[in-house]
């Protein structure tokens, strides 16, 4: 079994791809995430840093220097 990742650039193309897969009885999954896996990994790493206390507190005065 192989996995294909398809990137249709319009809603019409997405609908057509789904119709073809359904007509051929090819099972498929939809990933509703609009983020890349690399970005999601960075977010998860940041959340883990926060839980572990690896943060820096910055005041408003420090931001606008």
C-alpha atoms as a PDB file:
ATOM      1  CA  UNK A   1       0.000   0.000   0.000  1.00  0.00           C
ATOM      2  CA  UNK A   2       1.218   3.510  -0.809  1.00  0.00           C
ATOM      3  CA  UNK A   3       0.232   6.899   0.480  1.00  0.00           C
ATOM      4  CA  UNK A   4      -0.378   9.824  -1.845  1.00  0.00           C
ATOM      5  CA  UNK A   5      -0.523  13.413  -0.701  1.00  0.00           C
ATOM      6  CA  UNK A   6      -2.533  15.584  -3.072  1.00  0.00           C
ATOM      7  CA  UNK A   7      -2.529  19.389  -3.022  1.00  0.00           C
ATOM      8  CA  UNK A   8      -5.452  20.605  -5.131  1.00  0.00           C
ATOM      9  CA  UNK A   9      -5.330  24.352  -5.632  1.00  0.00           C
ATOM     10  CA  UNK A  10      -9.075  24.881  -5.803  1.00  0.00           C
ATOM     11  CA  UNK A  11     -12.245  23.568  -4.232  1.00  0.00           C
ATOM     12  CA  UNK A  12     -13.420  22.265  -7.625  1.00  0.00           C
ATOM     13  CA  UNK A  13     -10.273  20.169  -8.052  1.00  0.00           C
ATOM     14  CA  UNK A  14     -10.636  18.799  -4.522  1.00  0.00           C
ATOM     15  CA  UNK A  15     -14.225  17.803  -5.244  1.00  0.00           C
ATOM     16  CA  UNK A  16     -13.150  16.104  -8.485  1.00  0.00           C
ATOM     17  CA  UNK A  17     -10.354  14.152  -6.775  1.00  0.00           C
ATOM     18  CA  UNK A  18     -12.747  12.965  -4.075  1.00  0.00           C
ATOM     19  CA  UNK A  19     -15.282  11.898  -6.711  1.00  0.00           C
ATOM     20  CA  UNK A  20     -12.675   9.861  -8.601  1.00  0.00           C
ATOM     21  CA  UNK A  21     -11.476   8.143  -5.429  1.00  0.00           C
ATOM     22  CA  UNK A  22     -15.037   7.311  -4.401  1.00  0.00           C
ATOM     23  CA  UNK A  23     -15.849   5.997  -7.902  1.00  0.00           C
ATOM     24  CA  UNK A  24     -12.814   3.699  -7.750  1.00  0.00           C
ATOM     25  CA  UNK A  25     -13.640   2.618  -4.178  1.00  0.00           C
ATOM     26  CA  UNK A  26     -10.288   3.920  -2.970  1.00  0.00           C
ATOM     27  CA  UNK A  27     -10.385   4.719   0.746  1.00  0.00           C
ATOM     28  CA  UNK A  28      -9.032   8.137   1.688  1.00  0.00           C
ATOM     29  CA  UNK A  29      -8.647  10.349   4.726  1.00  0.00           C
ATOM     30  CA  UNK A  30      -8.941  14.095   5.011  1.00  0.00           C
ATOM     31  CA  UNK A  31      -6.602  16.108   7.185  1.00  0.00           C
ATOM     32  CA  UNK A  32      -8.335  19.333   8.126  1.00  0.00           C
ATOM     33  CA  UNK A  33      -5.168  20.925   9.521  1.00  0.00           C
ATOM     34  CA  UNK A  34      -4.010  23.988   7.648  1.00  0.00           C
ATOM     35  CA  UNK A  35      -0.580  23.901   9.284  1.00  0.00           C
ATOM     36  CA  UNK A  36       2.526  22.029   8.195  1.00  0.00           C
ATOM     37  CA  UNK A  37       3.823  19.231  10.387  1.00  0.00           C
ATOM     38  CA  UNK A  38       7.015  21.237  11.041  1.00  0.00           C
ATOM     39  CA  UNK A  39       4.975  24.184  12.343  1.00  0.00           C
ATOM     40  CA  UNK A  40       2.828  21.919  14.517  1.00  0.00           C
ATOM     41  CA  UNK A  41       6.011  20.372  15.982  1.00  0.00           C
ATOM     42  CA  UNK A  42       7.349  23.835  16.885  1.00  0.00           C
ATOM     43  CA  UNK A  43       4.077  24.749  18.585  1.00  0.00           C
ATOM     44  CA  UNK A  44       4.089  21.495  20.568  1.00  0.00           C
ATOM     45  CA  UNK A  45       7.708  22.100  21.590  1.00  0.00           C
ATOM     46  CA  UNK A  46       6.794  25.605  22.753  1.00  0.00           C
ATOM     47  CA  UNK A  47       3.892  24.293  24.816  1.00  0.00           C
ATOM     48  CA  UNK A  48       6.212  21.742  26.449  1.00  0.00           C
ATOM     49  CA  UNK A  49       8.717  24.529  27.218  1.00  0.00           C
ATOM     50  CA  UNK A  50       5.958  26.515  28.934  1.00  0.00           C
ATOM     51  CA  UNK A  51       4.909  23.504  31.032  1.00  0.00           C
ATOM     52  CA  UNK A  52       8.556  22.928  32.020  1.00  0.00           C
ATOM     53  CA  UNK A  53       8.957  26.565  33.056  1.00  0.00           C
ATOM     54  CA  UNK A  54      11.420  27.462  30.295  1.00  0.00           C
ATOM     55  CA  UNK A  55      10.001  30.921  29.678  1.00  0.00           C
ATOM     56  CA  UNK A  56      11.118  34.544  29.819  1.00  0.00           C
ATOM     57  CA  UNK A  57       8.866  37.281  31.155  1.00  0.00           C
ATOM     58  CA  UNK A  58       9.049  40.580  29.273  1.00  0.00           C
ATOM     59  CA  UNK A  59       7.326  43.759  30.427  1.00  0.00           C
ATOM     60  CA  UNK A  60       5.608  46.172  28.053  1.00  0.00           C
ATOM     61  CA  UNK A  61       8.371  48.708  28.664  1.00  0.00           C
ATOM     62  CA  UNK A  62      10.973  46.175  27.517  1.00  0.00           C
ATOM     63  CA  UNK A  63       9.009  45.402  24.363  1.00  0.00           C
ATOM     64  CA  UNK A  64       8.791  49.030  23.243  1.00  0.00           C
ATOM     65  CA  UNK A  65      12.441  50.017  23.813  1.00  0.00           C
END
